[in-house]
Amino acid sequence: MHDESEVAVLRLGHRPGRDERMTTHVGLTARALGADRVWVPDNAGQSRDTVADITDRFGGPFEVELTDSPQRIIRNWEGRVVHLTMYGEQVQNVESEIRDAHRRDGEPILVVVGAEKVPFDVYEEADWNVGVTNQPHSEVAGLAVFLDRLFDGRELEREWEDADRRVVPMETGKRVESADGERDGDNE
């Protein structure tokens, strides 16, 4: 995946006290499912810190940054813009076109994920307005499905660099080890 052009995620909007977990989960999902970076609004510093902490402990590379001007990021993006919205074209109808632009043509992809009402200019500036179902649901779910389709599931096999810890897949129970194979103290 990292031999391909950049995939970045931009979280539009953040309502303090209401969107803390959702904004954090947008960042964690972007990281876990193959994006290279996420921008969150400048009033979401706690979300940024949480995602940065997870990256420090479980590996990267992954960047998380604050922005005070998401519209500027969209306008200045040197690649293609995908806006995830329930009003967009069905993901299954446009995914191959987006994947080809990214892989074959080397276009960096900016995935825009909204919170509160998205300004109309975002719809106009996007190369694709994409709906993962055209029903109301979580923007985190939409981001996860979109990234999985963009990467064809390859993101699930990713190797993480500079990790202090790693999760050990198990049929039952929970196990986290230090990256050198020593068990953490909080395993069950």
N, C-alpha and C. Protein backbone atom coordinates (compact mmCIF):
# COMPACT_ATOMS: atom_id res chain seq x y z
N MET A 1 0.82 -1.20 0.00
CA MET A 1 0.00 0.00 0.00
C MET A 1 0.86 1.26 0.00
N HIS A 2 1.95 1.23 0.72
CA HIS A 2 2.74 2.44 0.80
C HIS A 2 3.62 2.64 -0.42
N ASP A 3 3.56 1.73 -1.38
CA ASP A 3 4.23 1.96 -2.64
C ASP A 3 3.29 2.70 -3.60
N GLU A 4 2.07 2.95 -3.16
CA GLU A 4 1.08 3.68 -3.96
C GLU A 4 1.08 5.15 -3.56
N SER A 5 0.36 5.95 -4.32
CA SER A 5 0.21 7.36 -3.99
C SER A 5 -0.53 7.52 -2.67
N GLU A 6 -0.36 8.69 -2.10
CA GLU A 6 -0.94 8.97 -0.78
C GLU A 6 -2.46 8.87 -0.77
N VAL A 7 -2.96 8.38 0.36
CA VAL A 7 -4.37 8.44 0.67
C VAL A 7 -4.48 9.18 2.00
N ALA A 8 -5.19 10.29 1.99
CA ALA A 8 -5.37 11.10 3.19
C ALA A 8 -6.86 11.24 3.47
N VAL A 9 -7.18 11.46 4.74
CA VAL A 9 -8.56 11.63 5.17
C VAL A 9 -8.67 13.00 5.82
N LEU A 10 -9.75 13.70 5.49
CA LEU A 10 -10.03 15.01 6.07
C LEU A 10 -11.37 14.94 6.78
N ARG A 11 -11.35 15.19 8.08
CA ARG A 11 -12.58 15.23 8.88
C ARG A 11 -13.09 16.67 8.85
N LEU A 12 -14.27 16.85 8.31
CA LEU A 12 -14.90 18.18 8.28
C LEU A 12 -15.76 18.34 9.51
N GLY A 13 -15.55 19.39 10.24
CA GLY A 13 -16.41 19.71 11.38
C GLY A 13 -16.13 18.86 12.60
N HIS A 14 -16.30 19.48 13.75
CA HIS A 14 -16.13 18.79 15.02
C HIS A 14 -16.85 19.62 16.08
N ARG A 15 -17.85 19.01 16.70
CA ARG A 15 -18.59 19.69 17.75
C ARG A 15 -18.06 19.20 19.10
N PRO A 16 -17.29 20.07 19.79
CA PRO A 16 -16.71 19.67 21.08
C PRO A 16 -17.81 19.18 22.04
N GLY A 17 -17.48 18.11 22.74
CA GLY A 17 -18.43 17.54 23.68
C GLY A 17 -19.40 16.57 23.04
N ARG A 18 -19.56 16.65 21.74
CA ARG A 18 -20.49 15.77 21.04
C ARG A 18 -19.77 14.80 20.10
N ASP A 19 -18.72 15.26 19.45
CA ASP A 19 -18.06 14.47 18.40
C ASP A 19 -16.71 13.89 18.79
N GLU A 20 -16.34 13.95 20.07
CA GLU A 20 -15.00 13.50 20.47
C GLU A 20 -14.72 12.07 20.01
N ARG A 21 -15.59 11.12 20.38
CA ARG A 21 -15.36 9.71 20.01
C ARG A 21 -15.42 9.52 18.50
N MET A 22 -16.38 10.18 17.85
CA MET A 22 -16.54 10.00 16.41
C MET A 22 -15.31 10.51 15.66
N THR A 23 -14.82 11.69 16.01
CA THR A 23 -13.64 12.23 15.34
C THR A 23 -12.43 11.35 15.61
N THR A 24 -12.28 10.90 16.85
CA THR A 24 -11.19 9.97 17.18
C THR A 24 -11.29 8.71 16.34
N HIS A 25 -12.50 8.17 16.22
CA HIS A 25 -12.68 6.92 15.47
C HIS A 25 -12.47 7.11 13.97
N VAL A 26 -12.76 8.29 13.44
CA VAL A 26 -12.40 8.58 12.04
C VAL A 26 -10.89 8.46 11.88
N GLY A 27 -10.14 9.05 12.80
CA GLY A 27 -8.68 8.98 12.72
C GLY A 27 -8.15 7.57 12.89
N LEU A 28 -8.68 6.83 13.86
CA LEU A 28 -8.22 5.46 14.10
C LEU A 28 -8.56 4.55 12.92
N THR A 29 -9.74 4.74 12.34
CA THR A 29 -10.15 3.95 11.18
C THR A 29 -9.28 4.27 9.98
N ALA A 30 -9.01 5.55 9.75
CA ALA A 30 -8.12 5.94 8.64
C ALA A 30 -6.77 5.25 8.79
N ARG A 31 -6.21 5.29 10.00
CA ARG A 31 -4.92 4.66 10.26
C ARG A 31 -4.98 3.16 10.04
N ALA A 32 -5.92 2.50 10.68
CA ALA A 32 -5.97 1.04 10.66
C ALA A 32 -6.27 0.47 9.28
N LEU A 33 -7.00 1.23 8.45
CA LEU A 33 -7.44 0.69 7.16
C LEU A 33 -6.72 1.30 5.97
N GLY A 34 -5.49 1.80 6.18
CA GLY A 34 -4.62 2.06 5.05
C GLY A 34 -4.32 3.48 4.65
N ALA A 35 -4.97 4.47 5.25
CA ALA A 35 -4.65 5.85 4.89
C ALA A 35 -3.27 6.21 5.43
N ASP A 36 -2.67 7.23 4.86
CA ASP A 36 -1.35 7.69 5.28
C ASP A 36 -1.41 8.81 6.30
N ARG A 37 -2.53 9.54 6.30
CA ARG A 37 -2.65 10.68 7.21
C ARG A 37 -4.11 11.04 7.39
N VAL A 38 -4.37 11.80 8.45
CA VAL A 38 -5.70 12.36 8.67
C VAL A 38 -5.52 13.78 9.18
N TRP A 39 -6.38 14.66 8.70
CA TRP A 39 -6.50 16.00 9.25
C TRP A 39 -7.81 16.06 10.03
N VAL A 40 -7.74 16.60 11.23
CA VAL A 40 -8.94 16.84 12.03
C VAL A 40 -9.01 18.32 12.33
N PRO A 41 -10.22 18.83 12.62
CA PRO A 41 -10.36 20.27 12.89
C PRO A 41 -9.51 20.70 14.09
N ASP A 42 -9.10 21.97 14.08
CA ASP A 42 -8.21 22.46 15.13
C ASP A 42 -8.81 22.43 16.53
N ASN A 43 -10.12 22.29 16.65
CA ASN A 43 -10.73 22.18 17.97
C ASN A 43 -10.87 20.72 18.42
N ALA A 44 -10.19 19.81 17.73
CA ALA A 44 -10.23 18.37 18.05
C ALA A 44 -8.86 17.88 18.50
N GLY A 45 -8.17 18.69 19.30
CA GLY A 45 -6.83 18.35 19.75
C GLY A 45 -6.77 17.06 20.54
N GLN A 46 -7.80 16.76 21.32
CA GLN A 46 -7.81 15.52 22.10
C GLN A 46 -7.86 14.31 21.16
N SER A 47 -8.65 14.41 20.10
CA SER A 47 -8.71 13.32 19.11
C SER A 47 -7.36 13.14 18.44
N ARG A 48 -6.73 14.24 18.08
CA ARG A 48 -5.39 14.16 17.47
C ARG A 48 -4.42 13.46 18.41
N ASP A 49 -4.44 13.84 19.68
CA ASP A 49 -3.51 13.25 20.65
C ASP A 49 -3.75 11.75 20.82
N THR A 50 -5.01 11.33 20.84
CA THR A 50 -5.33 9.90 20.98
C THR A 50 -4.82 9.11 19.79
N VAL A 51 -5.06 9.60 18.58
CA VAL A 51 -4.62 8.89 17.38
C VAL A 51 -3.08 8.86 17.32
N ALA A 52 -2.44 9.95 17.68
CA ALA A 52 -0.97 9.98 17.71
C ALA A 52 -0.43 8.98 18.73
N ASP A 53 -1.07 8.87 19.89
CA ASP A 53 -0.65 7.93 20.91
C ASP A 53 -0.78 6.48 20.42
N ILE A 54 -1.89 6.16 19.77
CA ILE A 54 -2.08 4.81 19.22
C ILE A 54 -1.00 4.52 18.17
N THR A 55 -0.71 5.50 17.33
CA THR A 55 0.32 5.32 16.31
C THR A 55 1.68 5.08 16.96
N ASP A 56 1.99 5.83 18.01
CA ASP A 56 3.26 5.63 18.72
C ASP A 56 3.35 4.23 19.31
N ARG A 57 2.25 3.72 19.85
CA ARG A 57 2.29 2.41 20.51
C ARG A 57 2.16 1.24 19.55
N PHE A 58 1.29 1.37 18.52
CA PHE A 58 1.00 0.23 17.65
C PHE A 58 1.63 0.35 16.27
N GLY A 59 2.35 1.41 15.99
CA GLY A 59 3.12 1.52 14.77
C GLY A 59 2.51 2.40 13.71
N GLY A 60 3.29 2.64 12.70
CA GLY A 60 2.92 3.50 11.60
C GLY A 60 3.54 2.98 10.32
N PRO A 61 3.85 3.86 9.39
CA PRO A 61 3.74 5.30 9.51
C PRO A 61 2.31 5.79 9.36
N PHE A 62 2.00 6.87 10.06
CA PHE A 62 0.71 7.54 9.96
C PHE A 62 0.86 8.90 10.59
N GLU A 63 0.30 9.91 9.93
CA GLU A 63 0.37 11.28 10.43
C GLU A 63 -1.04 11.75 10.79
N VAL A 64 -1.14 12.48 11.89
CA VAL A 64 -2.41 13.10 12.28
C VAL A 64 -2.12 14.57 12.58
N GLU A 65 -2.90 15.44 11.92
CA GLU A 65 -2.65 16.87 12.02
C GLU A 65 -3.94 17.62 12.26
N LEU A 66 -3.81 18.79 12.87
CA LEU A 66 -4.94 19.71 13.04
C LEU A 66 -4.97 20.67 11.87
N THR A 67 -6.18 21.12 11.50
CA THR A 67 -6.30 22.15 10.47
C THR A 67 -7.36 23.16 10.88
N ASP A 68 -7.09 24.41 10.58
CA ASP A 68 -8.09 25.46 10.80
C ASP A 68 -8.78 25.84 9.49
N SER A 69 -8.38 25.19 8.39
CA SER A 69 -8.98 25.52 7.10
C SER A 69 -9.13 24.26 6.23
N PRO A 70 -10.15 23.45 6.52
CA PRO A 70 -10.35 22.25 5.70
C PRO A 70 -10.64 22.58 4.23
N GLN A 71 -11.32 23.69 3.98
CA GLN A 71 -11.61 24.06 2.59
C GLN A 71 -10.32 24.32 1.82
N ARG A 72 -9.33 24.90 2.48
CA ARG A 72 -8.05 25.16 1.82
C ARG A 72 -7.36 23.84 1.46
N ILE A 73 -7.45 22.84 2.35
CA ILE A 73 -6.86 21.53 2.05
C ILE A 73 -7.51 20.94 0.80
N ILE A 74 -8.84 21.03 0.73
CA ILE A 74 -9.55 20.50 -0.45
C ILE A 74 -9.13 21.25 -1.71
N ARG A 75 -9.15 22.58 -1.65
CA ARG A 75 -8.81 23.40 -2.83
C ARG A 75 -7.39 23.16 -3.31
N ASN A 76 -6.45 22.96 -2.37
CA ASN A 76 -5.04 22.83 -2.73
C ASN A 76 -4.58 21.39 -2.91
N TRP A 77 -5.49 20.44 -2.77
CA TRP A 77 -5.10 19.03 -2.88
C TRP A 77 -4.64 18.73 -4.31
N GLU A 78 -3.47 18.15 -4.43
CA GLU A 78 -2.92 17.81 -5.75
C GLU A 78 -3.20 16.35 -6.04
N GLY A 79 -4.42 16.07 -6.32
CA GLY A 79 -4.88 14.73 -6.59
C GLY A 79 -6.39 14.75 -6.74
N ARG A 80 -7.02 13.65 -6.42
CA ARG A 80 -8.46 13.51 -6.57
C ARG A 80 -9.13 13.55 -5.20
N VAL A 81 -10.35 14.08 -5.17
CA VAL A 81 -11.09 14.23 -3.91
C VAL A 81 -12.33 13.36 -3.95
N VAL A 82 -12.47 12.53 -2.92
CA VAL A 82 -13.64 11.68 -2.74
C VAL A 82 -14.37 12.18 -1.50
N HIS A 83 -15.60 12.61 -1.67
CA HIS A 83 -16.42 13.07 -0.54
C HIS A 83 -17.42 11.97 -0.22
N LEU A 84 -17.33 11.42 1.00
CA LEU A 84 -18.27 10.39 1.42
C LEU A 84 -19.54 11.03 1.95
N THR A 85 -20.66 10.73 1.31
CA THR A 85 -21.95 11.29 1.67
C THR A 85 -23.04 10.32 1.27
N MET A 86 -24.08 10.24 2.07
CA MET A 86 -25.16 9.31 1.72
C MET A 86 -25.89 9.74 0.45
N TYR A 87 -25.65 10.97 -0.01
CA TYR A 87 -26.31 11.47 -1.21
C TYR A 87 -25.52 11.20 -2.48
N GLY A 88 -24.36 10.56 -2.35
CA GLY A 88 -23.47 10.38 -3.49
C GLY A 88 -23.81 9.16 -4.33
N GLU A 89 -23.00 9.00 -5.38
CA GLU A 89 -23.12 7.82 -6.24
C GLU A 89 -22.78 6.58 -5.41
N GLN A 90 -23.42 5.47 -5.72
CA GLN A 90 -23.17 4.25 -4.97
C GLN A 90 -21.72 3.80 -5.13
N VAL A 91 -21.10 3.47 -4.00
CA VAL A 91 -19.69 3.10 -4.00
C VAL A 91 -19.40 1.97 -4.98
N GLN A 92 -20.29 1.01 -5.08
CA GLN A 92 -20.05 -0.13 -5.97
C GLN A 92 -20.05 0.28 -7.44
N ASN A 93 -20.62 1.44 -7.76
CA ASN A 93 -20.65 1.91 -9.15
C ASN A 93 -19.43 2.75 -9.53
N VAL A 94 -18.70 3.25 -8.54
CA VAL A 94 -17.56 4.14 -8.84
C VAL A 94 -16.23 3.66 -8.27
N GLU A 95 -16.25 2.59 -7.49
CA GLU A 95 -15.01 2.17 -6.82
C GLU A 95 -13.90 1.81 -7.80
N SER A 96 -14.21 1.14 -8.89
CA SER A 96 -13.13 0.75 -9.82
C SER A 96 -12.53 1.98 -10.50
N GLU A 97 -13.35 2.96 -10.82
CA GLU A 97 -12.84 4.21 -11.41
C GLU A 97 -11.91 4.93 -10.43
N ILE A 98 -12.29 4.98 -9.16
CA ILE A 98 -11.46 5.64 -8.14
C ILE A 98 -10.18 4.84 -7.92
N ARG A 99 -10.29 3.53 -7.82
CA ARG A 99 -9.12 2.66 -7.63
C ARG A 99 -8.15 2.81 -8.80
N ASP A 100 -8.66 2.85 -10.05
CA ASP A 100 -7.81 3.02 -11.21
C ASP A 100 -7.09 4.37 -11.18
N ALA A 101 -7.80 5.43 -10.80
CA ALA A 101 -7.17 6.74 -10.71
C ALA A 101 -6.04 6.72 -9.69
N HIS A 102 -6.26 6.01 -8.61
CA HIS A 102 -5.25 5.95 -7.54
C HIS A 102 -4.08 5.05 -7.92
N ARG A 103 -4.36 3.84 -8.34
CA ARG A 103 -3.29 2.86 -8.60
C ARG A 103 -2.65 3.05 -9.96
N ARG A 104 -3.46 3.05 -11.00
CA ARG A 104 -2.91 3.09 -12.35
C ARG A 104 -2.37 4.47 -12.69
N ASP A 105 -3.13 5.51 -12.34
CA ASP A 105 -2.74 6.86 -12.72
C ASP A 105 -1.89 7.56 -11.66
N GLY A 106 -1.74 6.92 -10.48
CA GLY A 106 -0.89 7.49 -9.43
C GLY A 106 -1.45 8.72 -8.76
N GLU A 107 -2.77 8.89 -8.81
CA GLU A 107 -3.37 10.07 -8.22
C GLU A 107 -3.49 9.92 -6.70
N PRO A 108 -2.96 10.88 -5.93
CA PRO A 108 -3.24 10.88 -4.50
C PRO A 108 -4.74 11.08 -4.27
N ILE A 109 -5.26 10.46 -3.23
CA ILE A 109 -6.69 10.53 -2.93
C ILE A 109 -6.89 11.22 -1.59
N LEU A 110 -7.77 12.20 -1.56
CA LEU A 110 -8.22 12.83 -0.32
C LEU A 110 -9.66 12.40 -0.09
N VAL A 111 -9.90 11.72 1.03
CA VAL A 111 -11.24 11.25 1.39
C VAL A 111 -11.80 12.23 2.41
N VAL A 112 -12.90 12.88 2.08
CA VAL A 112 -13.51 13.88 2.95
C VAL A 112 -14.68 13.25 3.68
N VAL A 113 -14.66 13.36 5.01
CA VAL A 113 -15.69 12.79 5.87
C VAL A 113 -16.30 13.92 6.68
N GLY A 114 -17.61 14.12 6.57
CA GLY A 114 -18.28 15.21 7.24
C GLY A 114 -18.69 14.89 8.66
N ALA A 115 -19.12 15.92 9.34
CA ALA A 115 -19.74 15.80 10.67
C ALA A 115 -21.10 16.46 10.56
N GLU A 116 -21.17 17.73 10.97
CA GLU A 116 -22.42 18.45 10.80
C GLU A 116 -22.63 18.78 9.32
N LYS A 117 -23.61 19.57 9.01
CA LYS A 117 -23.96 19.89 7.62
C LYS A 117 -22.73 20.30 6.81
N VAL A 118 -22.51 19.61 5.71
CA VAL A 118 -21.35 19.85 4.85
C VAL A 118 -21.68 20.98 3.88
N PRO A 119 -20.80 21.98 3.77
CA PRO A 119 -21.03 23.08 2.82
C PRO A 119 -21.15 22.56 1.39
N PHE A 120 -22.01 23.19 0.60
CA PHE A 120 -22.27 22.74 -0.77
C PHE A 120 -21.02 22.77 -1.64
N ASP A 121 -20.09 23.70 -1.36
CA ASP A 121 -18.89 23.77 -2.20
C ASP A 121 -18.05 22.49 -2.09
N VAL A 122 -18.16 21.73 -1.00
CA VAL A 122 -17.45 20.46 -0.90
C VAL A 122 -17.98 19.49 -1.95
N TYR A 123 -19.30 19.46 -2.12
CA TYR A 123 -19.91 18.60 -3.15
C TYR A 123 -19.42 19.01 -4.54
N GLU A 124 -19.29 20.31 -4.78
CA GLU A 124 -18.87 20.79 -6.09
C GLU A 124 -17.38 20.55 -6.35
N GLU A 125 -16.55 20.65 -5.31
CA GLU A 125 -15.11 20.51 -5.50
C GLU A 125 -14.67 19.04 -5.55
N ALA A 126 -15.50 18.14 -5.06
CA ALA A 126 -15.13 16.72 -5.06
C ALA A 126 -15.16 16.16 -6.48
N ASP A 127 -14.22 15.27 -6.75
CA ASP A 127 -14.23 14.55 -8.02
C ASP A 127 -15.32 13.49 -8.00
N TRP A 128 -15.54 12.92 -6.81
CA TRP A 128 -16.62 11.94 -6.63
C TRP A 128 -17.31 12.21 -5.30
N ASN A 129 -18.62 12.27 -5.31
CA ASN A 129 -19.43 12.23 -4.11
C ASN A 129 -19.95 10.80 -4.04
N VAL A 130 -19.55 10.09 -2.97
CA VAL A 130 -19.74 8.65 -2.91
C VAL A 130 -20.59 8.29 -1.70
N GLY A 131 -21.61 7.47 -1.95
CA GLY A 131 -22.46 6.95 -0.88
C GLY A 131 -22.17 5.48 -0.62
N VAL A 132 -21.85 5.17 0.63
CA VAL A 132 -21.74 3.78 1.07
C VAL A 132 -23.11 3.48 1.66
N THR A 133 -23.96 2.94 0.86
CA THR A 133 -25.41 2.89 1.01
C THR A 133 -25.90 4.32 0.92
N ASN A 134 -27.11 4.49 0.56
CA ASN A 134 -27.69 5.83 0.53
C ASN A 134 -28.66 5.98 1.69
N GLN A 135 -28.24 5.45 2.82
CA GLN A 135 -29.02 5.50 4.06
C GLN A 135 -28.20 6.18 5.15
N PRO A 136 -28.87 6.80 6.10
CA PRO A 136 -28.11 7.39 7.22
C PRO A 136 -27.37 6.30 8.00
N HIS A 137 -26.12 6.55 8.30
CA HIS A 137 -25.31 5.66 9.14
C HIS A 137 -24.07 6.42 9.57
N SER A 138 -23.20 5.75 10.26
CA SER A 138 -21.98 6.35 10.80
C SER A 138 -20.98 6.68 9.70
N GLU A 139 -20.38 7.86 9.79
CA GLU A 139 -19.33 8.21 8.86
C GLU A 139 -18.11 7.32 9.04
N VAL A 140 -17.92 6.76 10.23
CA VAL A 140 -16.81 5.83 10.47
C VAL A 140 -17.04 4.55 9.66
N ALA A 141 -18.27 4.06 9.65
CA ALA A 141 -18.59 2.86 8.87
C ALA A 141 -18.38 3.13 7.38
N GLY A 142 -18.83 4.27 6.91
CA GLY A 142 -18.64 4.62 5.50
C GLY A 142 -17.17 4.69 5.13
N LEU A 143 -16.35 5.29 6.00
CA LEU A 143 -14.92 5.39 5.75
C LEU A 143 -14.28 4.00 5.70
N ALA A 144 -14.66 3.14 6.63
CA ALA A 144 -14.09 1.79 6.67
C ALA A 144 -14.42 1.01 5.40
N VAL A 145 -15.67 1.04 4.99
CA VAL A 145 -16.06 0.31 3.78
C VAL A 145 -15.34 0.89 2.56
N PHE A 146 -15.29 2.22 2.47
CA PHE A 146 -14.64 2.83 1.31
C PHE A 146 -13.16 2.45 1.24
N LEU A 147 -12.43 2.58 2.36
CA LEU A 147 -11.00 2.25 2.33
C LEU A 147 -10.76 0.78 2.00
N ASP A 148 -11.60 -0.10 2.54
CA ASP A 148 -11.44 -1.51 2.24
C ASP A 148 -11.64 -1.77 0.75
N ARG A 149 -12.60 -1.11 0.14
CA ARG A 149 -12.82 -1.29 -1.30
C ARG A 149 -11.70 -0.65 -2.11
N LEU A 150 -11.20 0.50 -1.67
CA LEU A 150 -10.10 1.16 -2.38
C LEU A 150 -8.86 0.26 -2.40
N PHE A 151 -8.56 -0.38 -1.28
CA PHE A 151 -7.36 -1.20 -1.17
C PHE A 151 -7.61 -2.68 -1.43
N ASP A 152 -8.82 -3.06 -1.78
CA ASP A 152 -9.14 -4.47 -2.06
C ASP A 152 -8.79 -5.40 -0.91
N GLY A 153 -8.87 -4.93 0.31
CA GLY A 153 -8.58 -5.76 1.47
C GLY A 153 -7.11 -5.91 1.79
N ARG A 154 -6.22 -5.38 0.96
CA ARG A 154 -4.77 -5.51 1.20
C ARG A 154 -4.35 -4.82 2.49
N GLU A 155 -5.10 -3.81 2.92
CA GLU A 155 -4.76 -3.08 4.14
C GLU A 155 -4.84 -3.96 5.38
N LEU A 156 -5.56 -5.07 5.28
CA LEU A 156 -5.72 -5.98 6.42
C LEU A 156 -4.45 -6.78 6.70
N GLU A 157 -3.53 -6.82 5.74
CA GLU A 157 -2.28 -7.57 5.89
C GLU A 157 -1.08 -6.65 6.15
N ARG A 158 -1.34 -5.40 6.42
CA ARG A 158 -0.27 -4.41 6.56
C ARG A 158 0.68 -4.76 7.70
N GLU A 159 1.95 -4.50 7.48
CA GLU A 159 2.98 -4.60 8.52
C GLU A 159 3.20 -3.20 9.09
N TRP A 160 3.27 -3.09 10.40
CA TRP A 160 3.41 -1.80 11.06
C TRP A 160 4.85 -1.58 11.51
N GLU A 161 5.37 -0.41 11.19
CA GLU A 161 6.75 -0.06 11.54
C GLU A 161 6.81 0.62 12.90
N ASP A 162 7.90 0.41 13.60
CA ASP A 162 8.20 1.09 14.86
C ASP A 162 7.12 0.91 15.93
N ALA A 163 6.49 -0.25 15.94
CA ALA A 163 5.45 -0.53 16.94
C ALA A 163 6.11 -0.95 18.25
N ASP A 164 5.55 -0.48 19.37
CA ASP A 164 5.94 -0.96 20.69
C ASP A 164 5.13 -2.18 21.08
N ARG A 165 3.90 -2.25 20.55
CA ARG A 165 2.98 -3.33 20.89
C ARG A 165 2.34 -3.88 19.63
N ARG A 166 1.85 -5.11 19.76
CA ARG A 166 1.06 -5.69 18.67
C ARG A 166 0.01 -6.61 19.27
N VAL A 167 -1.12 -6.67 18.60
CA VAL A 167 -2.21 -7.54 19.01
C VAL A 167 -1.96 -8.92 18.41
N VAL A 168 -2.13 -9.93 19.20
CA VAL A 168 -1.96 -11.31 18.74
C VAL A 168 -3.35 -11.86 18.43
N PRO A 169 -3.64 -12.18 17.18
CA PRO A 169 -4.96 -12.72 16.84
C PRO A 169 -5.19 -14.06 17.55
N MET A 170 -6.38 -14.20 18.14
CA MET A 170 -6.73 -15.40 18.89
C MET A 170 -8.18 -15.75 18.64
N GLU A 171 -8.50 -17.02 18.76
CA GLU A 171 -9.90 -17.45 18.62
C GLU A 171 -10.74 -16.92 19.77
N THR A 172 -10.22 -16.97 20.98
CA THR A 172 -10.89 -16.38 22.15
C THR A 172 -9.85 -15.70 23.01
N GLY A 173 -10.29 -14.77 23.82
CA GLY A 173 -9.38 -14.05 24.70
C GLY A 173 -8.78 -12.84 24.03
N LYS A 174 -7.92 -12.16 24.78
CA LYS A 174 -7.26 -10.96 24.28
C LYS A 174 -5.79 -11.04 24.65
N ARG A 175 -4.95 -10.71 23.70
CA ARG A 175 -3.53 -10.74 23.98
C ARG A 175 -2.83 -9.63 23.22
N VAL A 176 -2.09 -8.83 23.95
CA VAL A 176 -1.24 -7.78 23.38
C VAL A 176 0.17 -8.07 23.85
N GLU A 177 1.11 -8.06 22.92
CA GLU A 177 2.51 -8.29 23.25
C GLU A 177 3.31 -7.04 22.93
N SER A 178 4.45 -6.94 23.57
CA SER A 178 5.40 -5.92 23.13
C SER A 178 5.87 -6.37 21.74
N ALA A 179 6.37 -5.47 20.97
CA ALA A 179 6.77 -5.78 19.60
C ALA A 179 7.87 -6.83 19.56
N ASP A 180 8.62 -6.97 20.63
CA ASP A 180 9.67 -7.99 20.67
C ASP A 180 9.16 -9.36 21.15
N GLY A 181 7.84 -9.49 21.34
CA GLY A 181 7.24 -10.78 21.67
C GLY A 181 6.97 -11.01 23.14
N GLU A 182 7.34 -10.08 24.01
CA GLU A 182 7.05 -10.20 25.45
C GLU A 182 5.60 -9.82 25.70
N ARG A 183 4.94 -10.57 26.59
CA ARG A 183 3.54 -10.28 26.91
C ARG A 183 3.41 -9.01 27.72
N ASP A 184 2.39 -8.20 27.39
CA ASP A 184 2.04 -7.04 28.21
C ASP A 184 1.38 -7.54 29.49
N GLY A 185 1.36 -6.71 30.51
CA GLY A 185 0.77 -7.11 31.78
C GLY A 185 -0.74 -7.11 31.80
N ASP A 186 -1.42 -6.53 30.82
CA ASP A 186 -2.88 -6.41 30.86
C ASP A 186 -3.60 -7.42 29.97
N ASN A 187 -2.99 -8.54 29.68
CA ASN A 187 -3.62 -9.56 28.85
C ASN A 187 -4.57 -10.43 29.67
N GLU A 188 -5.54 -10.97 29.02
CA GLU A 188 -6.46 -11.90 29.67
C GLU A 188 -6.17 -13.31 29.21
